[in-house]
Amino acid sequence: MSRVRTRPTRDDTRDKLFEAAAHVFEDQGIGGASIDAIATAAGFTRGAFYSNFNSKDELIIAMLEDHVEQSIRRNLDLLAQHTDLDDFIAALRSMERNRRDPLGRSPLLHMEMILYVARAEKRRPELAKRLRARRKLVADIVQGAQVRGTNKVQDPSWAAAVVLALEDGFRLHRLIDPETTPADSFLRAISDLRRAMGLSSV
């Protein structure tokens, strides 16, 4: 009886390359990490890497895109489960980072990769596209939350930009000074902002 051989899917291969790249980047730095090192860490050949990505830069862009997509998907799942904004924020507070999201688990690596991409002006539009996707999600949440609120947010898109700037700022502050920046600082700030806006539910 012949044995059926199963080959990893393209998604499986990409996930393994993402995980391997995260470990190599953390160990060797993004600039010093080679494609050979990433492929070896993933258990693949150099050819397997190039069958998925044309360059290290393309891999990094794909990792950032995957992180944003997973973040949006997690938030949409939580929104579907929690119609009250306070419940939604509480769910965010207790949510565990997805094991398949190396950038969600490592804020420092996430920021390093963003800066790496941003250093090249031609790559910045890729970052901008992902930032706009995050802003749209938050703006939609704000838009929905103000339906029953006592106040109206004049510009939900601007409110979304403020929220994301707070998130990035607290992430950086926690990396620099974790003793005075608790892990829930961002969500505490969001709760305060929500009360100031008079937003009560989604």
N, C-alpha and C. Protein backbone atom coordinates (compact mmCIF):
# COMPACT_ATOMS: atom_id res chain seq x y z
N MET A 1 0.86 -1.19 0.00
CA MET A 1 0.00 0.00 0.00
C MET A 1 0.89 1.24 0.00
N SER A 2 0.70 2.09 -0.96
CA SER A 2 1.56 3.25 -1.10
C SER A 2 1.28 4.26 0.01
N ARG A 3 2.35 4.91 0.43
CA ARG A 3 2.24 5.93 1.46
C ARG A 3 1.99 7.29 0.81
N VAL A 4 0.97 7.97 1.28
CA VAL A 4 0.63 9.27 0.74
C VAL A 4 1.51 10.32 1.41
N ARG A 5 2.23 11.08 0.62
CA ARG A 5 3.09 12.13 1.15
C ARG A 5 2.34 13.46 1.12
N THR A 6 2.35 14.13 2.22
CA THR A 6 1.69 15.43 2.28
C THR A 6 2.74 16.53 2.27
N ARG A 7 2.54 17.50 1.43
CA ARG A 7 3.47 18.62 1.34
C ARG A 7 2.87 19.82 2.05
N PRO A 8 3.70 20.62 2.69
CA PRO A 8 3.16 21.81 3.37
C PRO A 8 2.53 22.76 2.36
N THR A 9 1.44 23.39 2.77
CA THR A 9 0.80 24.35 1.89
C THR A 9 1.64 25.62 1.82
N ARG A 10 1.29 26.47 0.87
CA ARG A 10 2.00 27.74 0.75
C ARG A 10 1.86 28.57 2.02
N ASP A 11 0.65 28.55 2.61
CA ASP A 11 0.45 29.29 3.86
C ASP A 11 1.31 28.73 4.99
N ASP A 12 1.41 27.40 5.06
CA ASP A 12 2.25 26.78 6.09
C ASP A 12 3.71 27.21 5.92
N THR A 13 4.17 27.21 4.67
CA THR A 13 5.55 27.59 4.39
C THR A 13 5.80 29.04 4.78
N ARG A 14 4.87 29.91 4.43
CA ARG A 14 5.01 31.33 4.78
C ARG A 14 5.01 31.52 6.29
N ASP A 15 4.13 30.81 6.99
CA ASP A 15 4.08 30.93 8.45
C ASP A 15 5.41 30.51 9.08
N LYS A 16 5.99 29.44 8.56
CA LYS A 16 7.28 28.98 9.09
C LYS A 16 8.38 29.98 8.79
N LEU A 17 8.33 30.57 7.62
CA LEU A 17 9.33 31.59 7.28
C LEU A 17 9.15 32.83 8.14
N PHE A 18 7.91 33.21 8.44
CA PHE A 18 7.66 34.35 9.32
C PHE A 18 8.25 34.09 10.70
N GLU A 19 7.98 32.91 11.25
CA GLU A 19 8.47 32.57 12.59
C GLU A 19 9.99 32.55 12.60
N ALA A 20 10.57 31.90 11.59
CA ALA A 20 12.02 31.80 11.52
C ALA A 20 12.66 33.18 11.38
N ALA A 21 12.07 34.01 10.52
CA ALA A 21 12.62 35.35 10.31
C ALA A 21 12.57 36.16 11.59
N ALA A 22 11.48 36.03 12.35
CA ALA A 22 11.36 36.77 13.61
C ALA A 22 12.49 36.39 14.56
N HIS A 23 12.76 35.09 14.67
CA HIS A 23 13.84 34.63 15.55
C HIS A 23 15.21 35.10 15.06
N VAL A 24 15.44 35.01 13.76
CA VAL A 24 16.73 35.43 13.20
C VAL A 24 16.90 36.93 13.34
N PHE A 25 15.85 37.70 13.08
CA PHE A 25 15.93 39.16 13.22
C PHE A 25 16.25 39.56 14.66
N GLU A 26 15.60 38.89 15.62
CA GLU A 26 15.84 39.20 17.02
C GLU A 26 17.26 38.83 17.44
N ASP A 27 17.78 37.77 16.83
CA ASP A 27 19.12 37.28 17.21
C ASP A 27 20.24 38.04 16.49
N GLN A 28 20.05 38.32 15.21
CA GLN A 28 21.12 38.88 14.39
C GLN A 28 20.88 40.33 13.97
N GLY A 29 19.68 40.84 14.21
CA GLY A 29 19.33 42.16 13.71
C GLY A 29 18.76 42.04 12.30
N ILE A 30 17.88 42.96 11.94
CA ILE A 30 17.24 42.88 10.63
C ILE A 30 18.25 43.10 9.51
N GLY A 31 19.11 44.10 9.67
CA GLY A 31 20.06 44.40 8.61
C GLY A 31 21.07 43.28 8.39
N GLY A 32 21.48 42.62 9.47
CA GLY A 32 22.51 41.59 9.35
C GLY A 32 21.98 40.21 9.01
N ALA A 33 20.69 40.02 9.08
CA ALA A 33 20.11 38.70 8.82
C ALA A 33 20.14 38.38 7.33
N SER A 34 20.56 37.19 7.00
CA SER A 34 20.63 36.78 5.59
C SER A 34 19.45 35.89 5.24
N ILE A 35 19.16 35.82 3.96
CA ILE A 35 18.10 34.93 3.48
C ILE A 35 18.46 33.48 3.78
N ASP A 36 19.74 33.12 3.64
CA ASP A 36 20.16 31.75 3.94
C ASP A 36 19.88 31.40 5.40
N ALA A 37 20.15 32.35 6.31
CA ALA A 37 19.92 32.09 7.73
C ALA A 37 18.44 31.90 8.02
N ILE A 38 17.60 32.71 7.37
CA ILE A 38 16.15 32.60 7.57
C ILE A 38 15.64 31.27 7.03
N ALA A 39 16.06 30.91 5.83
CA ALA A 39 15.62 29.65 5.23
C ALA A 39 16.06 28.46 6.07
N THR A 40 17.30 28.48 6.53
CA THR A 40 17.82 27.38 7.35
C THR A 40 17.05 27.26 8.65
N ALA A 41 16.79 28.40 9.30
CA ALA A 41 16.04 28.39 10.55
C ALA A 41 14.64 27.83 10.37
N ALA A 42 14.07 28.01 9.18
CA ALA A 42 12.72 27.50 8.90
C ALA A 42 12.74 26.05 8.44
N GLY A 43 13.94 25.53 8.20
CA GLY A 43 14.06 24.15 7.72
C GLY A 43 13.84 24.01 6.23
N PHE A 44 14.09 25.09 5.48
CA PHE A 44 13.88 25.11 4.05
C PHE A 44 15.18 25.41 3.32
N THR A 45 15.14 25.24 2.02
CA THR A 45 16.27 25.62 1.19
C THR A 45 16.12 27.08 0.77
N ARG A 46 17.19 27.62 0.24
CA ARG A 46 17.15 28.99 -0.29
C ARG A 46 16.11 29.09 -1.40
N GLY A 47 16.01 28.01 -2.20
CA GLY A 47 15.02 28.00 -3.29
C GLY A 47 13.61 28.09 -2.77
N ALA A 48 13.34 27.45 -1.62
CA ALA A 48 12.00 27.50 -1.04
C ALA A 48 11.66 28.92 -0.61
N PHE A 49 12.67 29.63 -0.11
CA PHE A 49 12.44 31.03 0.26
C PHE A 49 12.03 31.82 -0.98
N TYR A 50 12.81 31.69 -2.06
CA TYR A 50 12.55 32.48 -3.25
C TYR A 50 11.29 32.06 -4.00
N SER A 51 10.77 30.90 -3.67
CA SER A 51 9.49 30.51 -4.28
C SER A 51 8.34 31.25 -3.62
N ASN A 52 8.61 31.88 -2.48
CA ASN A 52 7.59 32.63 -1.76
C ASN A 52 7.83 34.13 -1.75
N PHE A 53 9.09 34.53 -1.72
CA PHE A 53 9.43 35.96 -1.64
C PHE A 53 10.62 36.26 -2.54
N ASN A 54 10.60 37.42 -3.15
CA ASN A 54 11.68 37.81 -4.05
C ASN A 54 12.88 38.39 -3.31
N SER A 55 12.67 38.82 -2.06
CA SER A 55 13.74 39.47 -1.32
C SER A 55 13.41 39.48 0.16
N LYS A 56 14.38 39.86 0.97
CA LYS A 56 14.14 40.01 2.41
C LYS A 56 13.14 41.14 2.65
N ASP A 57 13.26 42.22 1.88
CA ASP A 57 12.32 43.33 2.03
C ASP A 57 10.88 42.89 1.79
N GLU A 58 10.69 42.07 0.77
CA GLU A 58 9.34 41.59 0.47
C GLU A 58 8.82 40.71 1.60
N LEU A 59 9.69 39.91 2.20
CA LEU A 59 9.30 39.10 3.36
C LEU A 59 8.85 40.00 4.51
N ILE A 60 9.59 41.05 4.78
CA ILE A 60 9.26 41.95 5.89
C ILE A 60 7.92 42.63 5.65
N ILE A 61 7.70 43.10 4.42
CA ILE A 61 6.41 43.72 4.09
C ILE A 61 5.28 42.71 4.31
N ALA A 62 5.50 41.47 3.91
CA ALA A 62 4.47 40.43 4.07
C ALA A 62 4.21 40.15 5.54
N MET A 63 5.26 40.17 6.36
CA MET A 63 5.09 39.95 7.80
C MET A 63 4.28 41.08 8.43
N LEU A 64 4.56 42.31 8.03
CA LEU A 64 3.80 43.44 8.54
C LEU A 64 2.34 43.37 8.10
N GLU A 65 2.13 42.99 6.84
CA GLU A 65 0.77 42.87 6.32
C GLU A 65 0.01 41.79 7.06
N ASP A 66 0.66 40.66 7.31
CA ASP A 66 0.02 39.57 8.04
C ASP A 66 -0.35 40.00 9.45
N HIS A 67 0.54 40.75 10.10
CA HIS A 67 0.27 41.23 11.46
C HIS A 67 -0.96 42.14 11.48
N VAL A 68 -1.04 43.07 10.53
CA VAL A 68 -2.19 43.98 10.48
C VAL A 68 -3.47 43.21 10.20
N GLU A 69 -3.42 42.26 9.27
CA GLU A 69 -4.60 41.47 8.94
C GLU A 69 -5.09 40.67 10.14
N GLN A 70 -4.14 40.08 10.87
CA GLN A 70 -4.54 39.31 12.06
C GLN A 70 -5.12 40.23 13.14
N SER A 71 -4.51 41.40 13.32
CA SER A 71 -5.01 42.35 14.31
C SER A 71 -6.44 42.79 13.98
N ILE A 72 -6.67 43.10 12.72
CA ILE A 72 -8.01 43.52 12.30
C ILE A 72 -9.01 42.37 12.49
N ARG A 73 -8.60 41.17 12.11
CA ARG A 73 -9.50 40.02 12.25
C ARG A 73 -9.84 39.75 13.71
N ARG A 74 -8.86 39.85 14.60
CA ARG A 74 -9.12 39.64 16.03
C ARG A 74 -10.10 40.68 16.56
N ASN A 75 -9.88 41.93 16.17
CA ASN A 75 -10.77 43.00 16.64
C ASN A 75 -12.18 42.84 16.11
N LEU A 76 -12.31 42.44 14.85
CA LEU A 76 -13.65 42.24 14.29
C LEU A 76 -14.36 41.07 14.98
N ASP A 77 -13.62 40.02 15.31
CA ASP A 77 -14.20 38.89 16.03
C ASP A 77 -14.70 39.34 17.41
N LEU A 78 -13.90 40.16 18.09
CA LEU A 78 -14.31 40.65 19.41
C LEU A 78 -15.54 41.56 19.30
N LEU A 79 -15.56 42.39 18.25
CA LEU A 79 -16.71 43.28 18.05
C LEU A 79 -17.99 42.49 17.82
N ALA A 80 -17.86 41.37 17.14
CA ALA A 80 -19.03 40.53 16.88
C ALA A 80 -19.56 39.91 18.17
N GLN A 81 -18.69 39.74 19.15
CA GLN A 81 -19.08 39.10 20.41
C GLN A 81 -19.51 40.10 21.49
N HIS A 82 -19.02 41.36 21.38
CA HIS A 82 -19.28 42.35 22.44
C HIS A 82 -19.84 43.63 21.82
N THR A 83 -21.13 43.87 22.05
CA THR A 83 -21.77 45.06 21.49
C THR A 83 -21.56 46.29 22.36
N ASP A 84 -21.21 46.10 23.62
CA ASP A 84 -20.95 47.23 24.51
C ASP A 84 -19.47 47.58 24.46
N LEU A 85 -19.16 48.88 24.35
CA LEU A 85 -17.78 49.30 24.17
C LEU A 85 -16.91 48.97 25.38
N ASP A 86 -17.48 49.08 26.59
CA ASP A 86 -16.72 48.73 27.79
C ASP A 86 -16.37 47.24 27.78
N ASP A 87 -17.33 46.40 27.36
CA ASP A 87 -17.07 44.96 27.27
C ASP A 87 -16.01 44.66 26.22
N PHE A 88 -16.06 45.42 25.12
CA PHE A 88 -15.08 45.24 24.06
C PHE A 88 -13.68 45.57 24.56
N ILE A 89 -13.54 46.68 25.29
CA ILE A 89 -12.24 47.08 25.82
C ILE A 89 -11.75 46.05 26.85
N ALA A 90 -12.67 45.54 27.67
CA ALA A 90 -12.30 44.52 28.65
C ALA A 90 -11.81 43.25 27.95
N ALA A 91 -12.46 42.91 26.84
CA ALA A 91 -12.05 41.73 26.09
C ALA A 91 -10.67 41.93 25.48
N LEU A 92 -10.40 43.14 24.99
CA LEU A 92 -9.07 43.46 24.48
C LEU A 92 -8.01 43.31 25.57
N ARG A 93 -8.37 43.73 26.77
CA ARG A 93 -7.43 43.68 27.89
C ARG A 93 -7.03 42.24 28.23
N SER A 94 -7.99 41.32 28.10
CA SER A 94 -7.73 39.94 28.50
C SER A 94 -7.28 39.05 27.34
N MET A 95 -7.29 39.61 26.14
CA MET A 95 -6.96 38.81 24.96
C MET A 95 -5.49 38.42 24.94
N GLU A 96 -5.22 37.16 24.66
CA GLU A 96 -3.85 36.69 24.51
C GLU A 96 -3.39 36.90 23.08
N ARG A 97 -2.11 37.20 22.93
CA ARG A 97 -1.56 37.36 21.58
C ARG A 97 -1.56 36.03 20.85
N ASN A 98 -1.89 36.07 19.58
CA ASN A 98 -1.93 34.88 18.76
C ASN A 98 -0.53 34.31 18.58
N ARG A 99 -0.40 33.01 18.80
CA ARG A 99 0.91 32.37 18.66
C ARG A 99 1.42 32.45 17.23
N ARG A 100 0.53 32.63 16.28
CA ARG A 100 0.94 32.71 14.89
C ARG A 100 1.32 34.13 14.48
N ASP A 101 1.36 35.03 15.43
CA ASP A 101 1.65 36.43 15.11
C ASP A 101 2.91 36.87 15.84
N PRO A 102 4.10 36.59 15.27
CA PRO A 102 5.35 36.92 15.97
C PRO A 102 5.50 38.41 16.25
N LEU A 103 4.94 39.27 15.42
CA LEU A 103 5.06 40.70 15.66
C LEU A 103 4.14 41.15 16.79
N GLY A 104 3.02 40.46 16.97
CA GLY A 104 2.15 40.75 18.09
C GLY A 104 2.78 40.37 19.41
N ARG A 105 3.63 39.36 19.39
CA ARG A 105 4.30 38.90 20.61
C ARG A 105 5.53 39.73 20.93
N SER A 106 6.10 40.39 19.93
CA SER A 106 7.34 41.13 20.13
C SER A 106 7.20 42.57 19.65
N PRO A 107 6.72 43.47 20.51
CA PRO A 107 6.55 44.87 20.11
C PRO A 107 7.85 45.51 19.63
N LEU A 108 8.98 45.14 20.25
CA LEU A 108 10.25 45.74 19.85
C LEU A 108 10.59 45.37 18.41
N LEU A 109 10.44 44.09 18.06
CA LEU A 109 10.70 43.67 16.69
C LEU A 109 9.74 44.35 15.73
N HIS A 110 8.48 44.47 16.13
CA HIS A 110 7.48 45.13 15.30
C HIS A 110 7.92 46.55 14.96
N MET A 111 8.35 47.30 15.96
CA MET A 111 8.76 48.68 15.72
C MET A 111 10.05 48.75 14.91
N GLU A 112 10.97 47.82 15.17
CA GLU A 112 12.21 47.79 14.39
C GLU A 112 11.93 47.55 12.91
N MET A 113 10.98 46.66 12.63
CA MET A 113 10.65 46.35 11.24
C MET A 113 9.98 47.54 10.56
N ILE A 114 9.11 48.24 11.29
CA ILE A 114 8.47 49.43 10.73
C ILE A 114 9.52 50.48 10.38
N LEU A 115 10.47 50.70 11.29
CA LEU A 115 11.52 51.69 11.03
C LEU A 115 12.42 51.25 9.88
N TYR A 116 12.68 49.96 9.79
CA TYR A 116 13.51 49.43 8.70
C TYR A 116 12.87 49.73 7.36
N VAL A 117 11.56 49.49 7.28
CA VAL A 117 10.85 49.74 6.02
C VAL A 117 10.76 51.24 5.75
N ALA A 118 10.51 52.02 6.81
CA ALA A 118 10.31 53.47 6.64
C ALA A 118 11.57 54.19 6.20
N ARG A 119 12.74 53.60 6.44
CA ARG A 119 13.99 54.27 6.06
C ARG A 119 14.12 54.42 4.55
N ALA A 120 13.46 53.57 3.82
CA ALA A 120 13.50 53.65 2.35
C ALA A 120 12.20 54.30 1.86
N GLU A 121 12.32 55.48 1.29
CA GLU A 121 11.13 56.24 0.90
C GLU A 121 10.23 55.46 -0.06
N LYS A 122 10.82 54.66 -0.93
CA LYS A 122 10.01 53.92 -1.91
C LYS A 122 9.16 52.84 -1.26
N ARG A 123 9.53 52.42 -0.02
CA ARG A 123 8.76 51.38 0.66
C ARG A 123 7.69 51.96 1.57
N ARG A 124 7.72 53.26 1.80
CA ARG A 124 6.78 53.85 2.75
C ARG A 124 5.32 53.70 2.35
N PRO A 125 4.97 53.74 1.05
CA PRO A 125 3.56 53.53 0.69
C PRO A 125 3.00 52.20 1.19
N GLU A 126 3.87 51.17 1.30
CA GLU A 126 3.40 49.89 1.83
C GLU A 126 2.97 50.05 3.29
N LEU A 127 3.76 50.80 4.05
CA LEU A 127 3.41 51.05 5.44
C LEU A 127 2.14 51.90 5.54
N ALA A 128 2.05 52.90 4.67
CA ALA A 128 0.89 53.79 4.69
C ALA A 128 -0.41 53.02 4.43
N LYS A 129 -0.34 52.05 3.53
CA LYS A 129 -1.53 51.27 3.20
C LYS A 129 -2.03 50.50 4.43
N ARG A 130 -1.10 49.95 5.20
CA ARG A 130 -1.47 49.21 6.39
C ARG A 130 -1.95 50.12 7.51
N LEU A 131 -1.33 51.29 7.62
CA LEU A 131 -1.78 52.26 8.62
C LEU A 131 -3.20 52.72 8.32
N ARG A 132 -3.51 52.94 7.06
CA ARG A 132 -4.86 53.36 6.69
C ARG A 132 -5.89 52.28 7.01
N ALA A 133 -5.50 51.01 6.84
CA ALA A 133 -6.41 49.92 7.17
C ALA A 133 -6.70 49.90 8.66
N ARG A 134 -5.68 50.12 9.49
CA ARG A 134 -5.88 50.18 10.94
C ARG A 134 -6.76 51.37 11.32
N ARG A 135 -6.50 52.51 10.69
CA ARG A 135 -7.29 53.70 10.98
C ARG A 135 -8.76 53.49 10.63
N LYS A 136 -9.01 52.85 9.50
CA LYS A 136 -10.40 52.62 9.08
C LYS A 136 -11.13 51.75 10.09
N LEU A 137 -10.45 50.71 10.58
CA LEU A 137 -11.08 49.84 11.58
C LEU A 137 -11.46 50.63 12.82
N VAL A 138 -10.53 51.42 13.35
CA VAL A 138 -10.80 52.19 14.56
C VAL A 138 -11.88 53.24 14.29
N ALA A 139 -11.82 53.89 13.13
CA ALA A 139 -12.84 54.89 12.78
C ALA A 139 -14.23 54.26 12.73
N ASP A 140 -14.32 53.04 12.20
CA ASP A 140 -15.60 52.34 12.14
C ASP A 140 -16.11 52.02 13.54
N ILE A 141 -15.18 51.65 14.45
CA ILE A 141 -15.56 51.37 15.83
C ILE A 141 -16.09 52.65 16.49
N VAL A 142 -15.37 53.76 16.30
CA VAL A 142 -15.80 55.04 16.86
C VAL A 142 -17.16 55.43 16.30
N GLN A 143 -17.33 55.26 15.00
CA GLN A 143 -18.59 55.62 14.34
C GLN A 143 -19.75 54.83 14.93
N GLY A 144 -19.52 53.54 15.14
CA GLY A 144 -20.57 52.71 15.71
C GLY A 144 -20.82 53.02 17.17
N ALA A 145 -19.75 53.33 17.92
CA ALA A 145 -19.88 53.57 19.35
C ALA A 145 -20.64 54.85 19.66
N GLN A 146 -20.59 55.82 18.77
CA GLN A 146 -21.22 57.10 19.07
C GLN A 146 -22.73 57.10 18.79
N VAL A 147 -23.24 55.99 18.30
CA VAL A 147 -24.68 55.92 18.02
C VAL A 147 -25.49 56.19 19.28
N ARG A 148 -25.06 55.60 20.41
CA ARG A 148 -25.80 55.80 21.66
C ARG A 148 -25.10 56.77 22.60
N GLY A 149 -24.00 57.35 22.16
CA GLY A 149 -23.26 58.25 23.02
C GLY A 149 -23.95 59.59 23.17
N THR A 150 -23.56 60.29 24.24
CA THR A 150 -24.16 61.61 24.47
C THR A 150 -23.53 62.68 23.60
N ASN A 151 -22.30 62.44 23.13
CA ASN A 151 -21.60 63.39 22.27
C ASN A 151 -21.37 62.78 20.90
N LYS A 152 -21.10 63.62 19.95
CA LYS A 152 -20.81 63.16 18.62
C LYS A 152 -19.38 63.53 18.25
N VAL A 153 -18.65 62.56 17.73
CA VAL A 153 -17.29 62.81 17.27
C VAL A 153 -17.37 63.41 15.87
N GLN A 154 -16.85 64.61 15.72
CA GLN A 154 -16.98 65.30 14.43
C GLN A 154 -16.22 64.59 13.33
N ASP A 155 -15.07 64.02 13.66
CA ASP A 155 -14.22 63.40 12.65
C ASP A 155 -13.69 62.06 13.17
N PRO A 156 -14.42 60.96 12.97
CA PRO A 156 -13.98 59.64 13.45
C PRO A 156 -12.61 59.24 12.91
N SER A 157 -12.27 59.68 11.71
CA SER A 157 -10.96 59.33 11.15
C SER A 157 -9.83 59.97 11.95
N TRP A 158 -10.06 61.22 12.38
CA TRP A 158 -9.05 61.90 13.20
C TRP A 158 -8.97 61.23 14.59
N ALA A 159 -10.12 60.86 15.13
CA ALA A 159 -10.14 60.16 16.42
C ALA A 159 -9.35 58.85 16.30
N ALA A 160 -9.50 58.17 15.17
CA ALA A 160 -8.77 56.93 14.95
C ALA A 160 -7.27 57.18 14.90
N ALA A 161 -6.86 58.27 14.25
CA ALA A 161 -5.44 58.61 14.19
C ALA A 161 -4.88 58.87 15.58
N VAL A 162 -5.68 59.54 16.44
CA VAL A 162 -5.26 59.81 17.82
C VAL A 162 -5.10 58.51 18.59
N VAL A 163 -6.06 57.60 18.42
CA VAL A 163 -6.02 56.31 19.12
C VAL A 163 -4.77 55.52 18.73
N LEU A 164 -4.48 55.46 17.44
CA LEU A 164 -3.32 54.69 16.98
C LEU A 164 -2.01 55.34 17.42
N ALA A 165 -1.99 56.67 17.46
CA ALA A 165 -0.80 57.36 17.95
C ALA A 165 -0.58 57.05 19.43
N LEU A 166 -1.66 56.98 20.20
CA LEU A 166 -1.56 56.60 21.60
C LEU A 166 -1.02 55.18 21.74
N GLU A 167 -1.53 54.27 20.91
CA GLU A 167 -1.08 52.88 20.98
C GLU A 167 0.42 52.78 20.70
N ASP A 168 0.86 53.43 19.63
CA ASP A 168 2.29 53.37 19.28
C ASP A 168 3.14 54.04 20.36
N GLY A 169 2.64 55.14 20.90
CA GLY A 169 3.39 55.86 21.92
C GLY A 169 3.54 55.05 23.20
N PHE A 170 2.45 54.44 23.65
CA PHE A 170 2.53 53.63 24.87
C PHE A 170 3.37 52.38 24.64
N ARG A 171 3.32 51.83 23.43
CA ARG A 171 4.17 50.67 23.13
C ARG A 171 5.64 51.04 23.27
N LEU A 172 6.01 52.19 22.74
CA LEU A 172 7.40 52.64 22.84
C LEU A 172 7.77 52.96 24.29
N HIS A 173 6.89 53.64 25.00
CA HIS A 173 7.18 53.99 26.38
C HIS A 173 7.34 52.74 27.25
N ARG A 174 6.54 51.71 26.98
CA ARG A 174 6.66 50.49 27.77
C ARG A 174 7.98 49.79 27.50
N LEU A 175 8.45 49.85 26.27
CA LEU A 175 9.74 49.25 25.95
C LEU A 175 10.87 49.98 26.67
N ILE A 176 10.75 51.31 26.76
CA ILE A 176 11.81 52.12 27.37
C ILE A 176 11.75 52.07 28.89
N ASP A 177 10.53 52.20 29.44
CA ASP A 177 10.38 52.31 30.89
C ASP A 177 9.18 51.50 31.37
N PRO A 178 9.30 50.17 31.39
CA PRO A 178 8.16 49.33 31.77
C PRO A 178 7.70 49.53 33.21
N GLU A 179 8.60 50.01 34.09
CA GLU A 179 8.23 50.17 35.49
C GLU A 179 7.15 51.23 35.68
N THR A 180 7.17 52.27 34.87
CA THR A 180 6.17 53.34 35.01
C THR A 180 5.13 53.31 33.90
N THR A 181 5.21 52.32 33.03
CA THR A 181 4.23 52.19 31.94
C THR A 181 3.63 50.79 31.99
N PRO A 182 2.55 50.60 32.75
CA PRO A 182 1.93 49.28 32.87
C PRO A 182 1.49 48.73 31.52
N ALA A 183 1.34 47.43 31.46
CA ALA A 183 0.96 46.77 30.21
C ALA A 183 -0.39 47.25 29.70
N ASP A 184 -1.27 47.67 30.62
CA ASP A 184 -2.61 48.08 30.21
C ASP A 184 -2.74 49.59 30.03
N SER A 185 -1.61 50.31 29.93
CA SER A 185 -1.64 51.77 29.84
C SER A 185 -2.48 52.25 28.67
N PHE A 186 -2.30 51.63 27.50
CA PHE A 186 -3.04 52.06 26.31
C PHE A 186 -4.54 51.89 26.50
N LEU A 187 -4.96 50.72 27.01
CA LEU A 187 -6.39 50.48 27.18
C LEU A 187 -6.98 51.36 28.27
N ARG A 188 -6.19 51.68 29.29
CA ARG A 188 -6.65 52.63 30.30
C ARG A 188 -6.89 54.01 29.66
N ALA A 189 -5.95 54.40 28.79
CA ALA A 189 -6.09 55.69 28.11
C ALA A 189 -7.31 55.69 27.20
N ILE A 190 -7.57 54.56 26.54
CA ILE A 190 -8.72 54.46 25.66
C ILE A 190 -10.02 54.58 26.46
N SER A 191 -10.05 53.96 27.64
CA SER A 191 -11.24 54.07 28.48
C SER A 191 -11.49 55.52 28.89
N ASP A 192 -10.42 56.22 29.25
CA ASP A 192 -10.55 57.63 29.61
C ASP A 192 -11.02 58.46 28.41
N LEU A 193 -10.45 58.15 27.24
CA LEU A 193 -10.83 58.88 26.03
C LEU A 193 -12.28 58.60 25.67
N ARG A 194 -12.69 57.37 25.84
CA ARG A 194 -14.07 57.00 25.55
C ARG A 194 -15.05 57.78 26.43
N ARG A 195 -14.73 57.90 27.71
CA ARG A 195 -15.61 58.65 28.61
C ARG A 195 -15.63 60.13 28.23
N ALA A 196 -14.48 60.66 27.86
CA ALA A 196 -14.40 62.08 27.48
C ALA A 196 -15.23 62.36 26.22
N MET A 197 -15.30 61.36 25.31
CA MET A 197 -16.06 61.52 24.08
C MET A 197 -17.55 61.24 24.29
N GLY A 198 -17.89 60.62 25.41
CA GLY A 198 -19.28 60.27 25.64
C GLY A 198 -19.74 59.10 24.83
N LEU A 199 -18.81 58.21 24.49
CA LEU A 199 -19.15 57.02 23.71
C LEU A 199 -19.49 55.89 24.66
N SER A 200 -20.62 55.24 24.45
CA SER A 200 -21.03 54.22 25.40
C SER A 200 -21.11 52.81 24.85
N SER A 201 -21.41 52.66 23.58
CA SER A 201 -21.56 51.30 23.08
C SER A 201 -21.33 51.26 21.59
N VAL A 202 -21.02 50.03 21.10
CA VAL A 202 -20.85 49.85 19.66
C VAL A 202 -22.13 49.30 19.08
